[in-house]
Amino acid sequence: MNAQTCLAIVSILLILSVEQVQVTKAVTCNPMQLSPCATAITSPSKPSKVCCAKLKEQRPCLCRYVKNPYLQKLIKSPRAKIVAAFCGTRYPRC
C-alpha cells in the first residue's frame, strides 16, 4: 500500500470512529407498563422515578393509547399532563 492509500484508510477510520450513529430502540407498546403512574394520574400525588422512567419509555405509544376508549380518559386527563411535565416528558400532540 502506498502512503496515500494508508492515509485515506486512516482518515476514513478516524471519521467513522468519531461519527456517532444514533440507534432508535424499538419500544413495545404495553399500557400496563404505565401502571406505576396510576396513583399519580388518579390522585394529587407525586410520580415515582419508576413512573417517570416508564412514561419516557412509553411516550412513543401515548397517541396509540389515546385512541383506545378505555385508556383515553386517563391519558388525556389534566393529571396525566401534570405527571408528564413533572417527569420532564413532553406530552405528545396526537
PDB file of N, CA and C in Angstrom:
ATOM      1  N   MET A   1       0.837  -1.179   0.000  1.00  0.00           N
ATOM      2  CA  MET A   1       0.000   0.000   0.000  1.00  0.00           C
ATOM      3  C   MET A   1       0.882   1.241   0.000  1.00  0.00           C
ATOM      4  N   ASN A   2       0.485   2.209  -0.779  1.00  0.00           N
ATOM      5  CA  ASN A   2       1.261   3.442  -0.791  1.00  0.00           C
ATOM      6  C   ASN A   2       0.788   4.374   0.325  1.00  0.00           C
ATOM      7  N   ALA A   3       1.490   5.429   0.539  1.00  0.00           N
ATOM      8  CA  ALA A   3       1.219   6.354   1.641  1.00  0.00           C
ATOM      9  C   ALA A   3      -0.148   7.021   1.506  1.00  0.00           C
ATOM     10  N   GLN A   4      -0.562   7.342   0.284  1.00  0.00           N
ATOM     11  CA  GLN A   4      -1.857   7.992   0.079  1.00  0.00           C
ATOM     12  C   GLN A   4      -3.006   7.057   0.440  1.00  0.00           C
ATOM     13  N   THR A   5      -2.891   5.799   0.086  1.00  0.00           N
ATOM     14  CA  THR A   5      -3.927   4.823   0.412  1.00  0.00           C
ATOM     15  C   THR A   5      -4.021   4.638   1.919  1.00  0.00           C
ATOM     16  N   CYS A   6      -2.871   4.516   2.573  1.00  0.00           N
ATOM     17  CA  CYS A   6      -2.863   4.367   4.039  1.00  0.00           C
ATOM     18  C   CYS A   6      -3.488   5.582   4.707  1.00  0.00           C
ATOM     19  N   LEU A   7      -3.148   6.766   4.227  1.00  0.00           N
ATOM     20  CA  LEU A   7      -3.697   7.999   4.784  1.00  0.00           C
ATOM     21  C   LEU A   7      -5.209   8.050   4.584  1.00  0.00           C
ATOM     22  N   ALA A   8      -5.683   7.642   3.421  1.00  0.00           N
ATOM     23  CA  ALA A   8      -7.119   7.634   3.147  1.00  0.00           C
ATOM     24  C   ALA A   8      -7.847   6.664   4.070  1.00  0.00           C
ATOM     25  N   ILE A   9      -7.290   5.477   4.260  1.00  0.00           N
ATOM     26  CA  ILE A   9      -7.914   4.476   5.134  1.00  0.00           C
ATOM     27  C   ILE A   9      -7.939   4.965   6.577  1.00  0.00           C
ATOM     28  N   VAL A  10      -6.833   5.521   7.044  1.00  0.00           N
ATOM     29  CA  VAL A  10      -6.770   6.047   8.412  1.00  0.00           C
ATOM     30  C   VAL A  10      -7.764   7.187   8.585  1.00  0.00           C
ATOM     31  N   SER A  11      -7.879   8.048   7.593  1.00  0.00           N
ATOM     32  CA  SER A  11      -8.832   9.161   7.660  1.00  0.00           C
ATOM     33  C   SER A  11     -10.265   8.655   7.752  1.00  0.00           C
ATOM     34  N   ILE A  12     -10.601   7.674   6.944  1.00  0.00           N
ATOM     35  CA  ILE A  12     -11.954   7.104   6.972  1.00  0.00           C
ATOM     36  C   ILE A  12     -12.233   6.451   8.315  1.00  0.00           C
ATOM     37  N   LEU A  13     -11.277   5.688   8.820  1.00  0.00           N
ATOM     38  CA  LEU A  13     -11.460   5.048  10.126  1.00  0.00           C
ATOM     39  C   LEU A  13     -11.617   6.075  11.235  1.00  0.00           C
ATOM     40  N   LEU A  14     -10.872   7.157  11.159  1.00  0.00           N
ATOM     41  CA  LEU A  14     -10.978   8.217  12.153  1.00  0.00           C
ATOM     42  C   LEU A  14     -12.351   8.867  12.102  1.00  0.00           C
ATOM     43  N   ILE A  15     -12.817   9.152  10.909  1.00  0.00           N
ATOM     44  CA  ILE A  15     -14.149   9.748  10.752  1.00  0.00           C
ATOM     45  C   ILE A  15     -15.219   8.803  11.283  1.00  0.00           C
ATOM     46  N   LEU A  16     -15.116   7.529  10.958  1.00  0.00           N
ATOM     47  CA  LEU A  16     -16.104   6.559  11.428  1.00  0.00           C
ATOM     48  C   LEU A  16     -16.072   6.396  12.938  1.00  0.00           C
ATOM     49  N   SER A  17     -14.895   6.479  13.533  1.00  0.00           N
ATOM     50  CA  SER A  17     -14.815   6.321  14.983  1.00  0.00           C
ATOM     51  C   SER A  17     -15.361   7.538  15.710  1.00  0.00           C
ATOM     52  N   VAL A  18     -15.281   8.707  15.097  1.00  0.00           N
ATOM     53  CA  VAL A  18     -15.794   9.929  15.709  1.00  0.00           C
ATOM     54  C   VAL A  18     -17.297  10.051  15.486  1.00  0.00           C
ATOM     55  N   GLU A  19     -17.748   9.593  14.351  1.00  0.00           N
ATOM     56  CA  GLU A  19     -19.166   9.679  13.994  1.00  0.00           C
ATOM     57  C   GLU A  19     -19.988   8.843  14.962  1.00  0.00           C
ATOM     58  N   GLN A  20     -21.022   9.440  15.513  1.00  0.00           N
ATOM     59  CA  GLN A  20     -21.906   8.703  16.407  1.00  0.00           C
ATOM     60  C   GLN A  20     -23.198   8.414  15.667  1.00  0.00           C
ATOM     61  N   VAL A  21     -23.533   7.175  15.624  1.00  0.00           N
ATOM     62  CA  VAL A  21     -24.764   6.763  14.976  1.00  0.00           C
ATOM     63  C   VAL A  21     -25.792   6.532  16.066  1.00  0.00           C
ATOM     64  N   GLN A  22     -26.904   7.220  15.949  1.00  0.00           N
ATOM     65  CA  GLN A  22     -27.950   7.078  16.940  1.00  0.00           C
ATOM     66  C   GLN A  22     -28.885   5.963  16.505  1.00  0.00           C
ATOM     67  N   VAL A  23     -28.997   4.948  17.338  1.00  0.00           N
ATOM     68  CA  VAL A  23     -29.848   3.812  17.045  1.00  0.00           C
ATOM     69  C   VAL A  23     -31.118   3.963  17.865  1.00  0.00           C
ATOM     70  N   THR A  24     -32.250   3.891  17.221  1.00  0.00           N
ATOM     71  CA  THR A  24     -33.521   4.003  17.909  1.00  0.00           C
ATOM     72  C   THR A  24     -33.912   2.643  18.448  1.00  0.00           C
ATOM     73  N   LYS A  25     -34.161   2.609  19.726  1.00  0.00           N
ATOM     74  CA  LYS A  25     -34.564   1.369  20.377  1.00  0.00           C
ATOM     75  C   LYS A  25     -36.058   1.168  20.150  1.00  0.00           C
ATOM     76  N   ALA A  26     -36.420   0.009  19.698  1.00  0.00           N
ATOM     77  CA  ALA A  26     -37.826  -0.293  19.470  1.00  0.00           C
ATOM     78  C   ALA A  26     -38.547  -0.381  20.810  1.00  0.00           C
ATOM     79  N   VAL A  27     -39.697   0.235  20.883  1.00  0.00           N
ATOM     80  CA  VAL A  27     -40.495   0.234  22.099  1.00  0.00           C
ATOM     81  C   VAL A  27     -41.654  -0.721  21.909  1.00  0.00           C
ATOM     82  N   THR A  28     -41.862  -1.577  22.874  1.00  0.00           N
ATOM     83  CA  THR A  28     -43.027  -2.444  22.863  1.00  0.00           C
ATOM     84  C   THR A  28     -44.141  -1.706  23.585  1.00  0.00           C
ATOM     85  N   CYS A  29     -45.185  -1.361  22.859  1.00  0.00           N
ATOM     86  CA  CYS A  29     -46.292  -0.616  23.453  1.00  0.00           C
ATOM     87  C   CYS A  29     -47.134  -1.551  24.317  1.00  0.00           C
ATOM     88  N   ASN A  30     -47.163  -1.244  25.583  1.00  0.00           N
ATOM     89  CA  ASN A  30     -47.936  -2.022  26.544  1.00  0.00           C
ATOM     90  C   ASN A  30     -48.424  -1.061  27.615  1.00  0.00           C
ATOM     91  N   PRO A  31     -49.711  -0.712  27.600  1.00  0.00           N
ATOM     92  CA  PRO A  31     -50.208   0.261  28.572  1.00  0.00           C
ATOM     93  C   PRO A  31     -50.020  -0.169  30.024  1.00  0.00           C
ATOM     94  N   MET A  32     -49.883  -1.458  30.275  1.00  0.00           N
ATOM     95  CA  MET A  32     -49.651  -1.926  31.645  1.00  0.00           C
ATOM     96  C   MET A  32     -48.299  -1.452  32.168  1.00  0.00           C
ATOM     97  N   GLN A  33     -47.393  -1.086  31.263  1.00  0.00           N
ATOM     98  CA  GLN A  33     -46.101  -0.551  31.680  1.00  0.00           C
ATOM     99  C   GLN A  33     -46.262   0.788  32.403  1.00  0.00           C
ATOM    100  N   LEU A  34     -47.399   1.441  32.206  1.00  0.00           N
ATOM    101  CA  LEU A  34     -47.659   2.718  32.863  1.00  0.00           C
ATOM    102  C   LEU A  34     -48.346   2.556  34.217  1.00  0.00           C
ATOM    103  N   SER A  35     -48.536   1.336  34.665  1.00  0.00           N
ATOM    104  CA  SER A  35     -49.218   1.114  35.949  1.00  0.00           C
ATOM    105  C   SER A  35     -48.533   1.803  37.128  1.00  0.00           C
ATOM    106  N   PRO A  36     -47.199   1.981  37.143  1.00  0.00           N
ATOM    107  CA  PRO A  36     -46.600   2.732  38.245  1.00  0.00           C
ATOM    108  C   PRO A  36     -47.056   4.197  38.299  1.00  0.00           C
ATOM    109  N   CYS A  37     -47.680   4.684  37.235  1.00  0.00           N
ATOM    110  CA  CYS A  37     -48.152   6.071  37.185  1.00  0.00           C
ATOM    111  C   CYS A  37     -49.616   6.211  37.587  1.00  0.00           C
ATOM    112  N   ALA A  38     -50.299   5.110  37.805  1.00  0.00           N
ATOM    113  CA  ALA A  38     -51.741   5.152  38.062  1.00  0.00           C
ATOM    114  C   ALA A  38     -52.090   6.045  39.245  1.00  0.00           C
ATOM    115  N   THR A  39     -51.380   5.904  40.348  1.00  0.00           N
ATOM    116  CA  THR A  39     -51.686   6.705  41.535  1.00  0.00           C
ATOM    117  C   THR A  39     -51.451   8.184  41.262  1.00  0.00           C
ATOM    118  N   ALA A  40     -50.367   8.513  40.595  1.00  0.00           N
ATOM    119  CA  ALA A  40     -50.057   9.915  40.308  1.00  0.00           C
ATOM    120  C   ALA A  40     -51.052  10.531  39.327  1.00  0.00           C
ATOM    121  N   ILE A  41     -51.599   9.723  38.429  1.00  0.00           N
ATOM    122  CA  ILE A  41     -52.559  10.237  37.449  1.00  0.00           C
ATOM    123  C   ILE A  41     -53.951  10.370  38.057  1.00  0.00           C
ATOM    124  N   THR A  42     -54.303   9.490  38.975  1.00  0.00           N
ATOM    125  CA  THR A  42     -55.661   9.497  39.528  1.00  0.00           C
ATOM    126  C   THR A  42     -55.785  10.251  40.841  1.00  0.00           C
ATOM    127  N   SER A  43     -54.682  10.689  41.421  1.00  0.00           N
ATOM    128  CA  SER A  43     -54.732  11.455  42.671  1.00  0.00           C
ATOM    129  C   SER A  43     -53.618  12.498  42.656  1.00  0.00           C
ATOM    130  N   PRO A  44     -53.708  13.474  43.524  1.00  0.00           N
ATOM    131  CA  PRO A  44     -52.674  14.519  43.518  1.00  0.00           C
ATOM    132  C   PRO A  44     -51.383  14.108  44.233  1.00  0.00           C
ATOM    133  N   SER A  45     -50.835  12.973  43.841  1.00  0.00           N
ATOM    134  CA  SER A  45     -49.567  12.541  44.432  1.00  0.00           C
ATOM    135  C   SER A  45     -48.450  12.671  43.405  1.00  0.00           C
ATOM    136  N   LYS A  46     -47.240  12.754  43.897  1.00  0.00           N
ATOM    137  CA  LYS A  46     -46.064  12.928  43.051  1.00  0.00           C
ATOM    138  C   LYS A  46     -45.723  11.606  42.362  1.00  0.00           C
ATOM    139  N   PRO A  47     -45.377  11.640  41.067  1.00  0.00           N
ATOM    140  CA  PRO A  47     -44.997  10.398  40.383  1.00  0.00           C
ATOM    141  C   PRO A  47     -43.647   9.883  40.874  1.00  0.00           C
ATOM    142  N   SER A  48     -43.517   8.579  40.888  1.00  0.00           N
ATOM    143  CA  SER A  48     -42.264   7.950  41.315  1.00  0.00           C
ATOM    144  C   SER A  48     -41.240   7.994  40.185  1.00  0.00           C
ATOM    145  N   LYS A  49     -40.000   7.667  40.520  1.00  0.00           N
ATOM    146  CA  LYS A  49     -38.950   7.592  39.499  1.00  0.00           C
ATOM    147  C   LYS A  49     -39.265   6.491  38.493  1.00  0.00           C
ATOM    148  N   VAL A  50     -39.850   5.404  38.984  1.00  0.00           N
ATOM    149  CA  VAL A  50     -40.230   4.298  38.091  1.00  0.00           C
ATOM    150  C   VAL A  50     -41.306   4.772  37.119  1.00  0.00           C
ATOM    151  N   CYS A  51     -42.273   5.520  37.635  1.00  0.00           N
ATOM    152  CA  CYS A  51     -43.330   6.069  36.779  1.00  0.00           C
ATOM    153  C   CYS A  51     -42.719   6.930  35.680  1.00  0.00           C
ATOM    154  N   CYS A  52     -41.832   7.835  36.057  1.00  0.00           N
ATOM    155  CA  CYS A  52     -41.214   8.733  35.073  1.00  0.00           C
ATOM    156  C   CYS A  52     -40.423   7.952  34.028  1.00  0.00           C
ATOM    157  N   ALA A  53     -39.704   6.938  34.467  1.00  0.00           N
ATOM    158  CA  ALA A  53     -38.928   6.120  33.523  1.00  0.00           C
ATOM    159  C   ALA A  53     -39.853   5.404  32.545  1.00  0.00           C
ATOM    160  N   LYS A  54     -40.936   4.839  33.060  1.00  0.00           N
ATOM    161  CA  LYS A  54     -41.884   4.126  32.192  1.00  0.00           C
ATOM    162  C   LYS A  54     -42.604   5.088  31.254  1.00  0.00           C
ATOM    163  N   LEU A  55     -42.928   6.280  31.754  1.00  0.00           N
ATOM    164  CA  LEU A  55     -43.602   7.268  30.917  1.00  0.00           C
ATOM    165  C   LEU A  55     -42.706   7.688  29.755  1.00  0.00           C
ATOM    166  N   LYS A  56     -41.427   7.900  30.032  1.00  0.00           N
ATOM    167  CA  LYS A  56     -40.485   8.255  28.964  1.00  0.00           C
ATOM    168  C   LYS A  56     -40.331   7.107  27.973  1.00  0.00           C
ATOM    169  N   GLU A  57     -40.300   5.900  28.492  1.00  0.00           N
ATOM    170  CA  GLU A  57     -40.166   4.717  27.634  1.00  0.00           C
ATOM    171  C   GLU A  57     -41.389   4.540  26.743  1.00  0.00           C
ATOM    172  N   GLN A  58     -42.572   4.767  27.290  1.00  0.00           N
ATOM    173  CA  GLN A  58     -43.821   4.527  26.568  1.00  0.00           C
ATOM    174  C   GLN A  58     -44.326   5.758  25.807  1.00  0.00           C
ATOM    175  N   ARG A  59     -43.619   6.874  25.871  1.00  0.00           N
ATOM    176  CA  ARG A  59     -44.069   8.101  25.217  1.00  0.00           C
ATOM    177  C   ARG A  59     -44.417   7.905  23.739  1.00  0.00           C
ATOM    178  N   PRO A  60     -43.623   7.155  22.962  1.00  0.00           N
ATOM    179  CA  PRO A  60     -43.987   6.965  21.556  1.00  0.00           C
ATOM    180  C   PRO A  60     -45.330   6.250  21.370  1.00  0.00           C
ATOM    181  N   CYS A  61     -45.832   5.627  22.417  1.00  0.00           N
ATOM    182  CA  CYS A  61     -47.071   4.853  22.329  1.00  0.00           C
ATOM    183  C   CYS A  61     -48.295   5.642  22.784  1.00  0.00           C
ATOM    184  N   LEU A  62     -48.102   6.809  23.394  1.00  0.00           N
ATOM    185  CA  LEU A  62     -49.220   7.525  24.006  1.00  0.00           C
ATOM    186  C   LEU A  62     -50.325   7.866  23.021  1.00  0.00           C
ATOM    187  N   CYS A  63     -49.989   8.230  21.801  1.00  0.00           N
ATOM    188  CA  CYS A  63     -51.032   8.554  20.816  1.00  0.00           C
ATOM    189  C   CYS A  63     -51.871   7.324  20.488  1.00  0.00           C
ATOM    190  N   ARG A  64     -51.247   6.175  20.487  1.00  0.00           N
ATOM    191  CA  ARG A  64     -51.990   4.929  20.271  1.00  0.00           C
ATOM    192  C   ARG A  64     -52.938   4.684  21.450  1.00  0.00           C
ATOM    193  N   TYR A  65     -52.463   4.961  22.652  1.00  0.00           N
ATOM    194  CA  TYR A  65     -53.290   4.759  23.843  1.00  0.00           C
ATOM    195  C   TYR A  65     -54.475   5.717  23.863  1.00  0.00           C
ATOM    196  N   VAL A  66     -54.286   6.937  23.361  1.00  0.00           N
ATOM    197  CA  VAL A  66     -55.365   7.928  23.329  1.00  0.00           C
ATOM    198  C   VAL A  66     -56.519   7.438  22.462  1.00  0.00           C
ATOM    199  N   LYS A  67     -56.218   6.650  21.446  1.00  0.00           N
ATOM    200  CA  LYS A  67     -57.259   6.131  20.552  1.00  0.00           C
ATOM    201  C   LYS A  67     -58.053   4.990  21.184  1.00  0.00           C
ATOM    202  N   ASN A  68     -57.542   4.440  22.271  1.00  0.00           N
ATOM    203  CA  ASN A  68     -58.224   3.349  22.963  1.00  0.00           C
ATOM    204  C   ASN A  68     -59.279   3.951  23.896  1.00  0.00           C
ATOM    205  N   PRO A  69     -60.564   3.630  23.691  1.00  0.00           N
ATOM    206  CA  PRO A  69     -61.614   4.246  24.506  1.00  0.00           C
ATOM    207  C   PRO A  69     -61.478   3.955  26.006  1.00  0.00           C
ATOM    208  N   TYR A  70     -60.852   2.854  26.367  1.00  0.00           N
ATOM    209  CA  TYR A  70     -60.687   2.519  27.779  1.00  0.00           C
ATOM    210  C   TYR A  70     -59.569   3.333  28.436  1.00  0.00           C
ATOM    211  N   LEU A  71     -58.592   3.743  27.662  1.00  0.00           N
ATOM    212  CA  LEU A  71     -57.444   4.478  28.201  1.00  0.00           C
ATOM    213  C   LEU A  71     -57.536   5.980  27.972  1.00  0.00           C
ATOM    214  N   GLN A  72     -58.396   6.370  27.061  1.00  0.00           N
ATOM    215  CA  GLN A  72     -58.470   7.758  26.617  1.00  0.00           C
ATOM    216  C   GLN A  72     -58.653   8.754  27.765  1.00  0.00           C
ATOM    217  N   LYS A  73     -59.569   8.471  28.679  1.00  0.00           N
ATOM    218  CA  LYS A  73     -59.836   9.409  29.773  1.00  0.00           C
ATOM    219  C   LYS A  73     -58.611   9.611  30.656  1.00  0.00           C
ATOM    220  N   LEU A  74     -57.889   8.538  30.922  1.00  0.00           N
ATOM    221  CA  LEU A  74     -56.693   8.658  31.759  1.00  0.00           C
ATOM    222  C   LEU A  74     -55.574   9.401  31.035  1.00  0.00           C
ATOM    223  N   ILE A  75     -55.321   9.015  29.799  1.00  0.00           N
ATOM    224  CA  ILE A  75     -54.198   9.581  29.053  1.00  0.00           C
ATOM    225  C   ILE A  75     -54.423  11.059  28.740  1.00  0.00           C
ATOM    226  N   LYS A  76     -55.671  11.450  28.484  1.00  0.00           N
ATOM    227  CA  LYS A  76     -55.972  12.840  28.146  1.00  0.00           C
ATOM    228  C   LYS A  76     -56.316  13.691  29.365  1.00  0.00           C
ATOM    229  N   SER A  77     -56.267  13.118  30.551  1.00  0.00           N
ATOM    230  CA  SER A  77     -56.649  13.859  31.757  1.00  0.00           C
ATOM    231  C   SER A  77     -55.629  14.949  32.085  1.00  0.00           C
ATOM    232  N   PRO A  78     -56.088  16.008  32.752  1.00  0.00           N
ATOM    233  CA  PRO A  78     -55.150  17.062  33.169  1.00  0.00           C
ATOM    234  C   PRO A  78     -54.032  16.521  34.064  1.00  0.00           C
ATOM    235  N   ARG A  79     -54.340  15.542  34.907  1.00  0.00           N
ATOM    236  CA  ARG A  79     -53.316  14.969  35.795  1.00  0.00           C
ATOM    237  C   ARG A  79     -52.235  14.250  34.988  1.00  0.00           C
ATOM    238  N   ALA A  80     -52.599  13.594  33.900  1.00  0.00           N
ATOM    239  CA  ALA A  80     -51.602  12.912  33.063  1.00  0.00           C
ATOM    240  C   ALA A  80     -50.622  13.928  32.489  1.00  0.00           C
ATOM    241  N   LYS A  81     -51.130  15.084  32.102  1.00  0.00           N
ATOM    242  CA  LYS A  81     -50.263  16.136  31.572  1.00  0.00           C
ATOM    243  C   LYS A  81     -49.360  16.703  32.669  1.00  0.00           C
ATOM    244  N   ILE A  82     -49.882  16.806  33.887  1.00  0.00           N
ATOM    245  CA  ILE A  82     -49.083  17.279  35.023  1.00  0.00           C
ATOM    246  C   ILE A  82     -47.975  16.280  35.334  1.00  0.00           C
ATOM    247  N   VAL A  83     -48.319  15.000  35.325  1.00  0.00           N
ATOM    248  CA  VAL A  83     -47.325  13.951  35.588  1.00  0.00           C
ATOM    249  C   VAL A  83     -46.237  13.984  34.515  1.00  0.00           C
ATOM    250  N   ALA A  84     -46.634  14.116  33.267  1.00  0.00           N
ATOM    251  CA  ALA A  84     -45.653  14.179  32.176  1.00  0.00           C
ATOM    252  C   ALA A  84     -44.720  15.375  32.365  1.00  0.00           C
ATOM    253  N   ALA A  85     -45.281  16.524  32.719  1.00  0.00           N
ATOM    254  CA  ALA A  85     -44.459  17.720  32.939  1.00  0.00           C
ATOM    255  C   ALA A  85     -43.514  17.515  34.118  1.00  0.00           C
ATOM    256  N   PHE A  86     -44.008  16.923  35.197  1.00  0.00           N
ATOM    257  CA  PHE A  86     -43.169  16.662  36.370  1.00  0.00           C
ATOM    258  C   PHE A  86     -42.004  15.747  35.996  1.00  0.00           C
ATOM    259  N   CYS A  87     -42.278  14.780  35.152  1.00  0.00           N
ATOM    260  CA  CYS A  87     -41.248  13.813  34.745  1.00  0.00           C
ATOM    261  C   CYS A  87     -40.313  14.363  33.665  1.00  0.00           C
ATOM    262  N   GLY A  88     -40.602  15.565  33.176  1.00  0.00           N
ATOM    263  CA  GLY A  88     -39.756  16.141  32.138  1.00  0.00           C
ATOM    264  C   GLY A  88     -39.981  15.518  30.774  1.00  0.00           C
ATOM    265  N   THR A  89     -41.169  14.986  30.565  1.00  0.00           N
ATOM    266  CA  THR A  89     -41.523  14.344  29.301  1.00  0.00           C
ATOM    267  C   THR A  89     -42.543  15.209  28.579  1.00  0.00           C
ATOM    268  N   ARG A  90     -42.252  15.559  27.343  1.00  0.00           N
ATOM    269  CA  ARG A  90     -43.217  16.346  26.572  1.00  0.00           C
ATOM    270  C   ARG A  90     -44.457  15.509  26.308  1.00  0.00           C
ATOM    271  N   TYR A  91     -45.605  16.094  26.548  1.00  0.00           N
ATOM    272  CA  TYR A  91     -46.864  15.418  26.250  1.00  0.00           C
ATOM    273  C   TYR A  91     -47.071  15.500  24.739  1.00  0.00           C
ATOM    274  N   PRO A  92     -47.324  14.381  24.084  1.00  0.00           N
ATOM    275  CA  PRO A  92     -47.410  14.397  22.615  1.00  0.00           C
ATOM    276  C   PRO A  92     -48.686  15.055  22.102  1.00  0.00           C
ATOM    277  N   ARG A  93     -48.575  15.629  20.930  1.00  0.00           N
ATOM    278  CA  ARG A  93     -49.765  16.121  20.226  1.00  0.00           C
ATOM    279  C   ARG A  93     -50.153  15.039  19.244  1.00  0.00           C
ATOM    280  N   CYS A  94     -51.328  14.538  19.416  1.00  0.00           N
ATOM    281  CA  CYS A  94     -51.770  13.417  18.577  1.00  0.00           C
ATOM    282  C   CYS A  94     -52.751  13.891  17.521  1.00  0.00           C
TER     283      CYS A  94
END
